[in-house]
N, C-alpha and C. Protein backbone atom coordinates (compact mmCIF):
# COMPACT_ATOMS: atom_id res chain seq x y z
N ASN A 1 0.82 -1.19 0.00
CA ASN A 1 0.00 0.00 0.00
C ASN A 1 0.87 1.25 0.00
N PRO A 2 1.49 1.61 -1.11
CA PRO A 2 2.33 2.79 -1.12
C PRO A 2 1.49 4.07 -1.13
N GLN A 3 2.04 5.10 -0.53
CA GLN A 3 1.42 6.41 -0.52
C GLN A 3 2.52 7.40 -0.87
N VAL A 4 2.29 8.26 -1.85
CA VAL A 4 3.28 9.24 -2.26
C VAL A 4 2.71 10.62 -2.00
N ILE A 5 3.49 11.48 -1.36
CA ILE A 5 3.07 12.86 -1.18
C ILE A 5 4.17 13.76 -1.70
N HIS A 6 3.80 14.91 -2.20
CA HIS A 6 4.82 15.87 -2.57
C HIS A 6 4.31 17.28 -2.36
N SER A 7 5.25 18.21 -2.23
CA SER A 7 4.91 19.56 -1.83
C SER A 7 6.01 20.51 -2.22
N THR A 8 5.65 21.79 -2.29
CA THR A 8 6.68 22.80 -2.31
C THR A 8 7.21 22.87 -0.88
N PRO A 9 8.45 23.25 -0.69
CA PRO A 9 9.05 23.14 0.63
C PRO A 9 8.27 23.84 1.76
N GLU A 10 8.10 23.10 2.84
CA GLU A 10 7.69 23.57 4.15
C GLU A 10 6.26 24.06 4.30
N THR A 11 5.70 24.78 3.34
CA THR A 11 4.44 25.46 3.60
C THR A 11 3.21 24.80 2.99
N GLY A 12 3.37 24.03 1.95
CA GLY A 12 2.22 23.48 1.25
C GLY A 12 1.79 24.42 0.15
N PRO A 13 0.71 24.17 -0.57
CA PRO A 13 -0.16 23.02 -0.32
C PRO A 13 0.59 21.71 -0.57
N THR A 14 0.04 20.65 -0.06
CA THR A 14 0.66 19.34 -0.18
C THR A 14 -0.23 18.44 -1.00
N MET A 15 0.32 17.87 -2.07
CA MET A 15 -0.41 16.91 -2.90
C MET A 15 -0.26 15.56 -2.22
N VAL A 16 -1.39 14.92 -1.88
CA VAL A 16 -1.33 13.70 -1.08
C VAL A 16 -1.82 12.46 -1.81
N GLY A 17 -2.30 12.60 -3.04
CA GLY A 17 -2.77 11.41 -3.75
C GLY A 17 -3.27 11.73 -5.13
N ASP A 18 -3.53 10.66 -5.89
CA ASP A 18 -4.10 10.82 -7.22
C ASP A 18 -5.52 10.27 -7.22
N GLU A 19 -6.13 10.24 -8.37
CA GLU A 19 -7.54 9.83 -8.48
C GLU A 19 -7.78 8.39 -8.05
N TYR A 20 -6.73 7.60 -7.94
CA TYR A 20 -6.86 6.19 -7.55
C TYR A 20 -6.54 5.96 -6.07
N SER A 21 -6.27 7.02 -5.32
CA SER A 21 -5.92 6.89 -3.90
C SER A 21 -7.11 6.41 -3.08
N ASP A 22 -6.80 5.76 -1.98
CA ASP A 22 -7.83 5.24 -1.07
C ASP A 22 -8.65 6.39 -0.51
N PRO A 23 -9.95 6.43 -0.79
CA PRO A 23 -10.79 7.54 -0.32
C PRO A 23 -10.81 7.68 1.21
N SER A 24 -10.67 6.58 1.94
CA SER A 24 -10.69 6.68 3.41
C SER A 24 -9.44 7.39 3.92
N ILE A 25 -8.30 7.17 3.28
CA ILE A 25 -7.08 7.86 3.67
C ILE A 25 -7.19 9.34 3.31
N MET A 26 -7.71 9.63 2.13
CA MET A 26 -7.87 11.02 1.70
C MET A 26 -8.83 11.76 2.64
N ASN A 27 -9.89 11.08 3.09
CA ASN A 27 -10.83 11.68 4.03
C ASN A 27 -10.15 11.96 5.37
N TYR A 28 -9.37 11.00 5.86
CA TYR A 28 -8.65 11.16 7.12
C TYR A 28 -7.70 12.36 7.06
N LEU A 29 -7.07 12.57 5.90
CA LEU A 29 -6.14 13.68 5.74
C LEU A 29 -6.87 15.01 5.52
N GLY A 30 -8.18 14.94 5.25
CA GLY A 30 -8.93 16.16 4.96
C GLY A 30 -8.63 16.72 3.59
N ALA A 31 -8.29 15.81 2.66
CA ALA A 31 -7.88 16.22 1.31
C ALA A 31 -9.08 16.54 0.43
N ARG A 32 -8.87 17.45 -0.51
CA ARG A 32 -9.88 17.77 -1.51
C ARG A 32 -9.38 17.33 -2.89
N LYS A 33 -10.28 16.76 -3.66
CA LYS A 33 -9.94 16.26 -4.99
C LYS A 33 -10.13 17.39 -6.00
N THR A 34 -9.09 17.66 -6.79
CA THR A 34 -9.15 18.73 -7.78
C THR A 34 -8.63 18.23 -9.12
N THR A 35 -9.13 18.86 -10.17
CA THR A 35 -8.63 18.61 -11.52
C THR A 35 -8.23 19.95 -12.11
N MET A 36 -6.96 20.12 -12.40
CA MET A 36 -6.47 21.37 -12.97
C MET A 36 -6.92 21.49 -14.42
N LEU A 37 -7.25 22.69 -14.84
CA LEU A 37 -7.67 22.95 -16.20
C LEU A 37 -6.61 22.43 -17.18
N GLY A 38 -7.02 21.63 -18.12
CA GLY A 38 -6.12 21.07 -19.12
C GLY A 38 -5.59 19.68 -18.77
N ASN A 39 -5.75 19.25 -17.52
CA ASN A 39 -5.31 17.91 -17.12
C ASN A 39 -6.45 16.92 -17.29
N ASN A 40 -6.13 15.69 -17.62
CA ASN A 40 -7.14 14.64 -17.72
C ASN A 40 -7.06 13.69 -16.53
N PHE A 41 -6.56 14.18 -15.40
CA PHE A 41 -6.45 13.39 -14.18
C PHE A 41 -6.72 14.30 -12.98
N SER A 42 -7.03 13.69 -11.86
CA SER A 42 -7.32 14.43 -10.63
C SER A 42 -6.24 14.17 -9.60
N GLU A 43 -6.10 15.10 -8.66
CA GLU A 43 -5.17 14.97 -7.55
C GLU A 43 -5.87 15.39 -6.26
N TYR A 44 -5.39 14.85 -5.15
CA TYR A 44 -5.89 15.25 -3.83
C TYR A 44 -4.86 16.19 -3.19
N HIS A 45 -5.34 17.30 -2.62
CA HIS A 45 -4.47 18.28 -1.97
C HIS A 45 -5.00 18.61 -0.57
N VAL A 46 -4.07 18.99 0.30
CA VAL A 46 -4.42 19.57 1.60
C VAL A 46 -3.64 20.88 1.73
N ASP A 47 -4.12 21.78 2.59
CA ASP A 47 -3.43 23.04 2.80
C ASP A 47 -2.32 22.94 3.83
N GLU A 48 -2.28 21.84 4.56
CA GLU A 48 -1.28 21.67 5.62
C GLU A 48 0.11 21.44 5.03
N PRO A 49 1.14 21.81 5.79
CA PRO A 49 2.51 21.52 5.33
C PRO A 49 2.81 20.02 5.43
N PRO A 50 3.81 19.57 4.70
CA PRO A 50 4.15 18.14 4.67
C PRO A 50 4.37 17.53 6.05
N ARG A 51 5.00 18.27 6.96
CA ARG A 51 5.29 17.73 8.30
C ARG A 51 4.02 17.24 8.99
N LEU A 52 2.94 18.00 8.90
CA LEU A 52 1.68 17.59 9.53
C LEU A 52 1.05 16.40 8.82
N VAL A 53 1.17 16.37 7.48
CA VAL A 53 0.65 15.23 6.72
C VAL A 53 1.43 13.97 7.08
N LEU A 54 2.76 14.08 7.14
CA LEU A 54 3.59 12.93 7.50
C LEU A 54 3.27 12.43 8.91
N ASP A 55 3.00 13.35 9.84
CA ASP A 55 2.62 12.95 11.20
C ASP A 55 1.31 12.15 11.18
N LYS A 56 0.33 12.61 10.42
CA LYS A 56 -0.96 11.90 10.33
C LYS A 56 -0.78 10.51 9.73
N LEU A 57 0.02 10.41 8.66
CA LEU A 57 0.24 9.12 8.02
C LEU A 57 1.02 8.18 8.94
N ASP A 58 1.94 8.73 9.74
CA ASP A 58 2.67 7.93 10.72
C ASP A 58 1.70 7.30 11.72
N LYS A 59 0.72 8.06 12.16
CA LYS A 59 -0.28 7.54 13.10
C LYS A 59 -1.12 6.43 12.49
N MET A 60 -1.21 6.41 11.15
CA MET A 60 -1.94 5.35 10.45
C MET A 60 -1.06 4.12 10.20
N GLY A 61 0.22 4.20 10.54
CA GLY A 61 1.11 3.07 10.34
C GLY A 61 1.99 3.15 9.10
N PHE A 62 1.93 4.27 8.37
CA PHE A 62 2.79 4.44 7.20
C PHE A 62 4.18 4.84 7.65
N ARG A 63 5.20 4.37 6.92
CA ARG A 63 6.59 4.70 7.20
C ARG A 63 7.24 5.25 5.93
N VAL A 64 8.11 6.23 6.09
CA VAL A 64 8.83 6.81 4.94
C VAL A 64 9.82 5.78 4.42
N VAL A 65 9.75 5.52 3.11
CA VAL A 65 10.67 4.60 2.45
C VAL A 65 11.77 5.38 1.76
N SER A 66 11.41 6.50 1.14
CA SER A 66 12.40 7.33 0.47
C SER A 66 11.90 8.76 0.38
N MET A 67 12.82 9.67 0.11
CA MET A 67 12.50 11.08 -0.05
C MET A 67 13.49 11.67 -1.03
N THR A 68 13.03 12.60 -1.87
CA THR A 68 13.92 13.25 -2.82
C THR A 68 13.41 14.64 -3.13
N GLY A 69 14.25 15.45 -3.71
CA GLY A 69 13.86 16.77 -4.17
C GLY A 69 13.89 16.81 -5.68
N VAL A 70 12.87 17.43 -6.26
CA VAL A 70 12.79 17.59 -7.72
C VAL A 70 12.53 19.08 -7.96
N GLY A 71 13.57 19.83 -8.29
CA GLY A 71 13.42 21.28 -8.43
C GLY A 71 13.01 21.87 -7.08
N GLN A 72 11.90 22.59 -7.06
CA GLN A 72 11.38 23.18 -5.82
C GLN A 72 10.36 22.27 -5.14
N THR A 73 10.24 21.03 -5.60
CA THR A 73 9.26 20.08 -5.07
C THR A 73 9.96 19.00 -4.25
N LEU A 74 9.37 18.65 -3.12
CA LEU A 74 9.86 17.54 -2.30
C LEU A 74 8.90 16.38 -2.44
N VAL A 75 9.43 15.15 -2.54
CA VAL A 75 8.61 13.96 -2.73
C VAL A 75 8.99 12.92 -1.68
N TRP A 76 7.95 12.40 -0.99
CA TRP A 76 8.14 11.31 -0.03
C TRP A 76 7.38 10.10 -0.52
N CYS A 77 7.97 8.92 -0.40
CA CYS A 77 7.28 7.66 -0.70
C CYS A 77 7.14 6.92 0.62
N LEU A 78 5.90 6.53 0.94
CA LEU A 78 5.62 5.85 2.20
C LEU A 78 5.04 4.47 1.94
N HIS A 79 5.15 3.60 2.91
CA HIS A 79 4.63 2.24 2.80
C HIS A 79 4.01 1.84 4.13
N LYS A 80 2.95 1.05 4.04
CA LYS A 80 2.30 0.50 5.23
C LYS A 80 2.23 -1.00 5.08
N GLU A 81 2.77 -1.72 6.06
CA GLU A 81 2.69 -3.18 6.04
C GLU A 81 1.25 -3.62 6.20
N THR A 82 0.91 -4.67 5.50
CA THR A 82 -0.42 -5.24 5.66
C THR A 82 -0.29 -6.63 6.28
N SER A 83 -1.36 -7.11 6.85
CA SER A 83 -1.33 -8.44 7.48
C SER A 83 -1.83 -9.52 6.52
N ASP A 84 -2.01 -9.16 5.24
CA ASP A 84 -2.48 -10.13 4.27
C ASP A 84 -1.44 -11.22 4.05
N ALA A 85 -1.86 -12.45 4.16
CA ALA A 85 -0.96 -13.58 3.89
C ALA A 85 -0.99 -13.90 2.41
N LEU A 86 0.17 -14.25 1.86
CA LEU A 86 0.25 -14.59 0.42
C LEU A 86 -0.17 -16.00 0.17
């Protein structure tokens, strides 16, 4: 169950998911689904800075797997272990 978030540094807004993201997680984060003019896809955003989003996801059991910077954008990849047996 990977979760990817990205943001401009420190202040937000923070993009927390795409149109295929788990609606219950997006609801927990208080995210709003938007489609930018000219895009054929939707994204979920919150006004909170990344630190607060990462804290909320940590409480849900997500852990940071990697983080990188792309220009003025920061990207975190998170993972949550599941108890599903293979």
